[in-house]
C-alpha atoms as a PDB file:
ATOM      1  CA  MET A   1      -0.003  -0.059   0.084  1.00  0.00           C
ATOM      2  CA  ALA A   2       1.459   3.361  -0.989  1.00  0.00           C
ATOM      3  CA  ARG A   3       1.712   5.983   1.599  1.00  0.00           C
ATOM      4  CA  ASP A   4       0.205   9.561   0.997  1.00  0.00           C
ATOM      5  CA  TYR A   5       2.589  11.620   2.966  1.00  0.00           C
ATOM      6  CA  ASN A   6       1.206  14.849   1.681  1.00  0.00           C
ATOM      7  CA  ASN A   7      -2.196  14.379   3.396  1.00  0.00           C
ATOM      8  CA  TYR A   8      -1.464  11.792   6.195  1.00  0.00           C
ATOM      9  CA  ASP A   9       0.951  11.237   9.004  1.00  0.00           C
ATOM     10  CA  TYR A  10       1.877   7.506   9.676  1.00  0.00           C
ATOM     11  CA  LEU A  11       2.837   5.768  12.813  1.00  0.00           C
ATOM     12  CA  ALA A  12       3.642   2.119  13.840  1.00  0.00           C
ATOM     13  CA  VAL A  13       3.516   0.734  17.218  1.00  0.00           C
ATOM     14  CA  SER A  14       4.313  -2.600  18.893  1.00  0.00           C
ATOM     15  CA  VAL A  15       1.850  -3.734  21.428  1.00  0.00           C
ATOM     16  CA  LYS A  16       1.210  -6.672  23.656  1.00  0.00           C
ATOM     17  CA  SER A  17      -1.760  -8.576  22.368  1.00  0.00           C
ATOM     18  CA  ASP A  18      -3.600  -8.189  25.769  1.00  0.00           C
ATOM     19  CA  GLN A  19      -3.240  -4.478  25.689  1.00  0.00           C
ATOM     20  CA  LEU A  20      -4.138  -3.961  22.121  1.00  0.00           C
ATOM     21  CA  ASN A  21      -7.634  -2.556  22.592  1.00  0.00           C
ATOM     22  CA  ARG A  22      -6.470  -0.152  25.194  1.00  0.00           C
ATOM     23  CA  ILE A  23      -3.729   1.242  23.288  1.00  0.00           C
ATOM     24  CA  LEU A  24      -5.723   1.539  20.288  1.00  0.00           C
ATOM     25  CA  HIS A  25      -8.377   3.386  22.276  1.00  0.00           C
ATOM     26  CA  CYS A  26      -5.706   5.841  23.276  1.00  0.00           C
ATOM     27  CA  TYR A  27      -4.482   6.402  19.800  1.00  0.00           C
ATOM     28  CA  ARG A  28      -8.072   6.845  18.480  1.00  0.00           C
ATOM     29  CA  ALA A  29      -8.644   9.514  20.876  1.00  0.00           C
ATOM     30  CA  LEU A  30      -5.861  11.280  19.323  1.00  0.00           C
ATOM     31  CA  GLY A  31      -7.103  11.012  15.998  1.00  0.00           C
ATOM     32  CA  TRP A  32      -5.241   8.215  14.707  1.00  0.00           C
ATOM     33  CA  THR A  33      -7.105   5.474  12.553  1.00  0.00           C
ATOM     34  CA  GLU A  34      -5.815   1.899  12.368  1.00  0.00           C
ATOM     35  CA  VAL A  35      -4.732   0.853   8.972  1.00  0.00           C
ATOM     36  CA  LYS A  36      -3.287  -2.772   9.652  1.00  0.00           C
ATOM     37  CA  THR A  37      -2.597  -5.108  12.389  1.00  0.00           C
ATOM     38  CA  VAL A  38      -0.095  -7.775  12.083  1.00  0.00           C
ATOM     39  CA  ASP A  39       0.751 -10.668  14.527  1.00  0.00           C
ATOM     40  CA  ASP A  40       4.572 -10.929  15.373  1.00  0.00           C
ATOM     41  CA  ARG A  41       6.209 -13.889  13.753  1.00  0.00           C
ATOM     42  CA  GLU A  42       8.316 -14.704  16.949  1.00  0.00           C
ATOM     43  CA  TYR A  43       6.358 -13.669  19.852  1.00  0.00           C
ATOM     44  CA  TYR A  44       2.802 -15.043  20.108  1.00  0.00           C
ATOM     45  CA  ASN A  45       1.760 -12.290  22.567  1.00  0.00           C
ATOM     46  CA  MET A  46       2.845  -9.284  20.273  1.00  0.00           C
ATOM     47  CA  LYS A  47       1.074  -7.286  17.576  1.00  0.00           C
ATOM     48  CA  TYR A  48       2.354  -4.424  15.132  1.00  0.00           C
ATOM     49  CA  VAL A  49      -0.038  -1.741  14.391  1.00  0.00           C
ATOM     50  CA  ARG A  50       0.221   0.691  11.596  1.00  0.00           C
ATOM     51  CA  LEU A  51      -1.801   3.890  12.193  1.00  0.00           C
ATOM     52  CA  ARG A  52      -2.442   7.086  10.331  1.00  0.00           C
ATOM     53  CA  ARG A  53      -3.996  10.570  10.897  1.00  0.00           C
ATOM     54  CA  PRO A  54      -4.862  13.376   8.540  1.00  0.00           C
ATOM     55  CA  HIS A  55      -1.625  15.855   8.193  1.00  0.00           C
ATOM     56  CA  LYS A  56      -3.676  18.882   8.364  1.00  0.00           C
ATOM     57  CA  ILE A  57      -5.863  18.378  11.702  1.00  0.00           C
ATOM     58  CA  ALA A  58      -7.072  20.849  14.000  1.00  0.00           C
ATOM     59  CA  ASN A  59      -4.885  21.409  17.268  1.00  0.00           C
ATOM     60  CA  LYS A  60      -2.229  19.085  16.005  1.00  0.00           C
ATOM     61  CA  ASP A  61       0.678  20.761  18.197  1.00  0.00           C
ATOM     62  CA  ARG A  62      -1.449  20.050  21.378  1.00  0.00           C
ATOM     63  CA  LEU A  63      -2.572  16.526  20.361  1.00  0.00           C
ATOM     64  CA  GLN A  64       1.032  15.827  19.605  1.00  0.00           C
ATOM     65  CA  TYR A  65       1.901  17.000  23.090  1.00  0.00           C
ATOM     66  CA  LEU A  66      -0.886  14.915  24.621  1.00  0.00           C
ATOM     67  CA  GLN A  67       0.392  11.878  22.732  1.00  0.00           C
ATOM     68  CA  VAL A  68       4.023  12.184  24.163  1.00  0.00           C
ATOM     69  CA  ARG A  69       2.480  12.495  27.636  1.00  0.00           C
ATOM     70  CA  MET A  70       0.052   9.466  26.941  1.00  0.00           C
ATOM     71  CA  GLU A  71       3.037   7.386  25.424  1.00  0.00           C
ATOM     72  CA  GLY A  72       5.247   8.384  28.559  1.00  0.00           C
ATOM     73  CA  ALA A  73       2.332   7.313  30.982  1.00  0.00           C
ATOM     74  CA  ILE A  74       1.779   3.944  29.094  1.00  0.00           C
ATOM     75  CA  ASN A  75       5.637   3.139  29.147  1.00  0.00           C
ATOM     76  CA  SER A  76       5.871   4.026  32.879  1.00  0.00           C
ATOM     77  CA  LEU A  77       2.936   1.649  33.494  1.00  0.00           C
ATOM     78  CA  VAL A  78       4.901  -1.223  31.874  1.00  0.00           C
ATOM     79  CA  GLU A  79       7.897  -0.088  34.156  1.00  0.00           C
ATOM     80  CA  ILE A  80       5.838  -0.085  37.366  1.00  0.00           C
ATOM     81  CA  VAL A  81       4.494  -3.710  36.732  1.00  0.00           C
ATOM     82  CA  ASN A  82       8.027  -4.891  35.719  1.00  0.00           C
ATOM     83  CA  ARG A  83       9.846  -3.384  38.707  1.00  0.00           C
ATOM     84  CA  ALA A  84       6.901  -3.926  41.304  1.00  0.00           C
ATOM     85  CA  HIS A  85       8.687  -6.758  43.104  1.00  0.00           C
ATOM     86  CA  LEU A  86      12.542  -5.983  42.815  1.00  0.00           C
ATOM     87  CA  LYS A  87      13.149  -5.630  46.391  1.00  0.00           C
ATOM     88  CA  SER A  88      11.225  -8.675  47.672  1.00  0.00           C
ATOM     89  CA  ASN A  89      12.877 -10.863  44.946  1.00  0.00           C
ATOM     90  CA  ALA A  90      16.283  -9.579  45.706  1.00  0.00           C
ATOM     91  CA  ALA A  91      15.816 -10.005  49.448  1.00  0.00           C
ATOM     92  CA  ALA A  92      14.444 -13.550  49.155  1.00  0.00           C
ATOM     93  CA  GLY A  93      17.234 -14.122  46.562  1.00  0.00           C
ATOM     94  CA  GLY A  94      20.031 -13.079  48.907  1.00  0.00           C
ATOM     95  CA  LEU A  95      18.631 -14.943  51.951  1.00  0.00           C
ATOM     96  CA  GLY A  96      17.982 -18.014  49.678  1.00  0.00           C
ATOM     97  CA  LEU A  97      21.659 -18.042  48.557  1.00  0.00           C
ATOM     98  CA  LEU A  98      22.972 -17.554  51.980  1.00  0.00           C
ATOM     99  CA  ALA A  99      20.658 -20.527  53.133  1.00  0.00           C
ATOM    100  CA  ALA A 100      21.939 -22.673  50.190  1.00  0.00           C
ATOM    101  CA  GLY A 101      25.699 -21.675  51.089  1.00  0.00           C
ATOM    102  CA  LEU A 102      25.053 -22.890  54.713  1.00  0.00           C
ATOM    103  CA  ILE A 103      23.257 -26.077  53.822  1.00  0.00           C
ATOM    104  CA  ALA A 104      25.994 -27.140  51.402  1.00  0.00           C
ATOM    105  CA  LEU A 105      28.675 -26.405  54.290  1.00  0.00           C
ATOM    106  CA  ALA A 106      26.492 -28.193  56.611  1.00  0.00           C
ATOM    107  CA  VAL A 107      26.412 -31.135  54.349  1.00  0.00           C
ATOM    108  CA  TRP A 108      30.186 -31.078  53.822  1.00  0.00           C
ATOM    109  CA  LEU A 109      30.981 -30.631  57.692  1.00  0.00           C
ATOM    110  CA  VAL A 110      28.759 -33.708  58.481  1.00  0.00           C
ATOM    111  CA  ILE A 111      30.097 -36.050  55.730  1.00  0.00           C
ATOM    112  CA  TYR A 112      33.785 -35.317  55.937  1.00  0.00           C
ATOM    113  CA  PHE A 113      34.425 -34.449  59.593  1.00  0.00           C
ATOM    114  CA  THR A 114      33.677 -36.061  63.020  1.00  0.00           C
ATOM    115  CA  SER A 115      32.807 -34.987  66.557  1.00  0.00           C
ATOM    116  CA  ALA A 116      32.708 -31.253  67.376  1.00  0.00           C
ATOM    117  CA  ILE A 117      32.834 -30.114  63.681  1.00  0.00           C
ATOM    118  CA  ARG A 118      30.137 -32.388  62.835  1.00  0.00           C
ATOM    119  CA  VAL A 119      28.041 -30.703  65.357  1.00  0.00           C
ATOM    120  CA  LEU A 120      28.792 -27.217  63.735  1.00  0.00           C
ATOM    121  CA  GLY A 121      27.627 -28.860  60.437  1.00  0.00           C
ATOM    122  CA  TRP A 122      24.251 -29.835  62.092  1.00  0.00           C
ATOM    123  CA  VAL A 123      23.878 -26.225  63.474  1.00  0.00           C
ATOM    124  CA  CYS A 124      24.512 -24.802  60.079  1.00  0.00           C
ATOM    125  CA  LEU A 125      21.915 -27.057  58.535  1.00  0.00           C
ATOM    126  CA  GLY A 126      19.373 -25.838  61.202  1.00  0.00           C
ATOM    127  CA  VAL A 127      20.285 -22.114  60.363  1.00  0.00           C
ATOM    128  CA  GLY A 128      20.061 -22.865  56.739  1.00  0.00           C
ATOM    129  CA  CYS A 129      16.647 -24.244  57.056  1.00  0.00           C
ATOM    130  CA  ALA A 130      15.683 -21.331  59.256  1.00  0.00           C
ATOM    131  CA  LEU A 131      16.788 -18.901  56.733  1.00  0.00           C
ATOM    132  CA  ILE A 132      14.737 -20.478  54.033  1.00  0.00           C
ATOM    133  CA  VAL A 133      11.631 -19.840  56.193  1.00  0.00           C
ATOM    134  CA  VAL A 134      12.680 -16.326  57.008  1.00  0.00           C
ATOM    135  CA  ALA A 135      13.261 -15.652  53.175  1.00  0.00           C
ATOM    136  CA  VAL A 136       9.620 -16.956  52.444  1.00  0.00           C
ATOM    137  CA  ALA A 137       8.152 -14.842  55.230  1.00  0.00           C
ATOM    138  CA  VAL A 138      10.339 -11.618  54.159  1.00  0.00           C
ATOM    139  CA  ARG A 139       9.322 -12.127  50.560  1.00  0.00           C
ATOM    140  CA  ALA A 140       5.610 -12.382  51.484  1.00  0.00           C
ATOM    141  CA  GLY A 141       5.700  -9.349  53.659  1.00  0.00           C
ATOM    142  CA  LEU A 142       7.668  -7.013  51.216  1.00  0.00           C
ATOM    143  CA  ARG A 143       5.461  -8.141  48.385  1.00  0.00           C
ATOM    144  CA  ARG A 144       2.204  -6.956  50.135  1.00  0.00           C
ATOM    145  CA  ARG A 145       3.879  -3.542  50.580  1.00  0.00           C
ATOM    146  CA  GLU A 146       5.179  -3.524  46.938  1.00  0.00           C
ATOM    147  CA  ARG A 147       1.862  -4.433  45.579  1.00  0.00           C
ATOM    148  CA  LYS A 148       0.025  -1.616  47.379  1.00  0.00           C
ATOM    149  CA  VAL A 149       2.633   0.944  46.323  1.00  0.00           C
ATOM    150  CA  ALA A 150       2.541  -0.230  42.807  1.00  0.00           C
ATOM    151  CA  SER A 151      -1.360  -0.301  42.723  1.00  0.00           C
ATOM    152  CA  GLY A 152      -1.218   3.314  43.775  1.00  0.00           C
ATOM    153  CA  LYS A 153       1.170   4.256  40.986  1.00  0.00           C
ATOM    154  CA  ILE A 154      -0.665   2.287  38.489  1.00  0.00           C
ATOM    155  CA  MET A 155      -3.956   4.066  39.448  1.00  0.00           C
ATOM    156  CA  GLU A 156      -2.219   7.509  39.238  1.00  0.00           C
ATOM    157  CA  LYS A 157      -1.075   6.841  35.669  1.00  0.00           C
ATOM    158  CA  LEU A 158      -4.413   5.422  34.688  1.00  0.00           C
ATOM    159  CA  ARG A 159      -6.101   8.772  35.748  1.00  0.00           C
ATOM    160  CA  LEU A 160      -3.530  10.702  33.984  1.00  0.00           C
ATOM    161  CA  THR A 161      -4.126   8.554  30.778  1.00  0.00           C
ATOM    162  CA  GLN A 162      -7.763   9.102  31.094  1.00  0.00           C
ATOM    163  CA  SER A 163      -7.572  12.818  31.596  1.00  0.00           C
ATOM    164  CA  LEU A 164      -5.231  13.060  28.366  1.00  0.00           C
ATOM    165  CA  ILE A 165      -7.801  10.940  26.346  1.00  0.00           C
ATOM    166  CA  GLU A 166     -10.595  13.406  27.603  1.00  0.00           C
ATOM    167  CA  GLU A 167      -8.727  16.432  26.628  1.00  0.00           C
ATOM    168  CA  ALA A 168      -7.905  14.774  23.245  1.00  0.00           C
ATOM    169  CA  VAL A 169     -11.339  13.986  22.629  1.00  0.00           C
ATOM    170  CA  SER A 170     -12.391  17.666  23.351  1.00  0.00           C
ATOM    171  CA  LEU A 171      -9.718  18.839  20.898  1.00  0.00           C
ATOM    172  CA  ALA A 172     -10.427  16.572  18.136  1.00  0.00           C
ATOM    173  CA  PRO A 173     -13.730  14.884  18.066  1.00  0.00           C
ATOM    174  CA  ALA A 174     -12.893  11.385  17.649  1.00  0.00           C
ATOM    175  CA  LYS A 175     -14.904   8.462  16.435  1.00  0.00           C
ATOM    176  CA  GLU A 176     -17.925   7.257  18.398  1.00  0.00           C
ATOM    177  CA  GLY A 177     -17.118   5.280  21.445  1.00  0.00           C
ATOM    178  CA  VAL A 178     -13.562   6.555  22.157  1.00  0.00           C
ATOM    179  CA  ALA A 179     -14.375   8.850  25.221  1.00  0.00           C
ATOM    180  CA  ASP A 180     -16.268   6.024  26.883  1.00  0.00           C
ATOM    181  CA  GLY A 181     -13.343   4.545  28.770  1.00  0.00           C
ATOM    182  CA  LEU A 182     -10.204   2.607  28.507  1.00  0.00           C
ATOM    183  CA  ASP A 183     -11.754  -0.843  28.595  1.00  0.00           C
ATOM    184  CA  GLU A 184     -14.415  -0.261  25.825  1.00  0.00           C
ATOM    185  CA  PRO A 185     -12.677   0.466  22.392  1.00  0.00           C
ATOM    186  CA  ALA A 186     -14.930   1.516  19.509  1.00  0.00           C
ATOM    187  CA  ALA A 187     -13.961  -1.312  17.093  1.00  0.00           C
ATOM    188  CA  GLN A 188     -12.126  -4.417  17.019  1.00  0.00           C
ATOM    189  CA  PRO A 189      -8.713  -4.532  15.208  1.00  0.00           C
ATOM    190  CA  GLU A 190      -8.531  -6.218  11.818  1.00  0.00           C
ATOM    191  CA  ALA A 191      -6.205  -9.221  12.324  1.00  0.00           C
ATOM    192  CA  ASN A 192      -3.784 -10.029   9.558  1.00  0.00           C
ATOM    193  CA  ASN A 193      -1.120 -12.847   9.554  1.00  0.00           C
ATOM    194  CA  GLY A 194       1.208 -11.830   6.943  1.00  0.00           C
END
């Protein structure tokens, strides 16, 4: 398909399949129209979408600014989700490694030594097993706090995105259904496996 750069602007985005409708909803509010959606050949959960928008559109500079802010908010949502449990995973991993080291030392001491040193091996084994229990408890406690913090940040970004969509719709009346909310896009994308 030949592109008409005199009359249209073009954009290509890659999106996780489960987020496709939400992302398309955001771009539709900014005046973009879906041209083609293609499945990724390597990753089953990715789609590539080509969009276009009339080159001469009212309030284009403001819409472009809103688009940059919206893309930033969407990207930070992904970062929040990906980094939500870094501290709990690091703490549990560190304690788990320490426990594994103590258990390995315990096995070595019990197998290769006798008397008092063997007793030290049994102590190391007990401490290593206790550390495993502590690691599980620390991870669970930290995860609860991390989940609460991440949920707050996610809600903040979703509110920001919704306010940007509302402003975009007020600047450039979009197709029917765009301002209804993030979960209800106006139309389903055309799937093309090629």
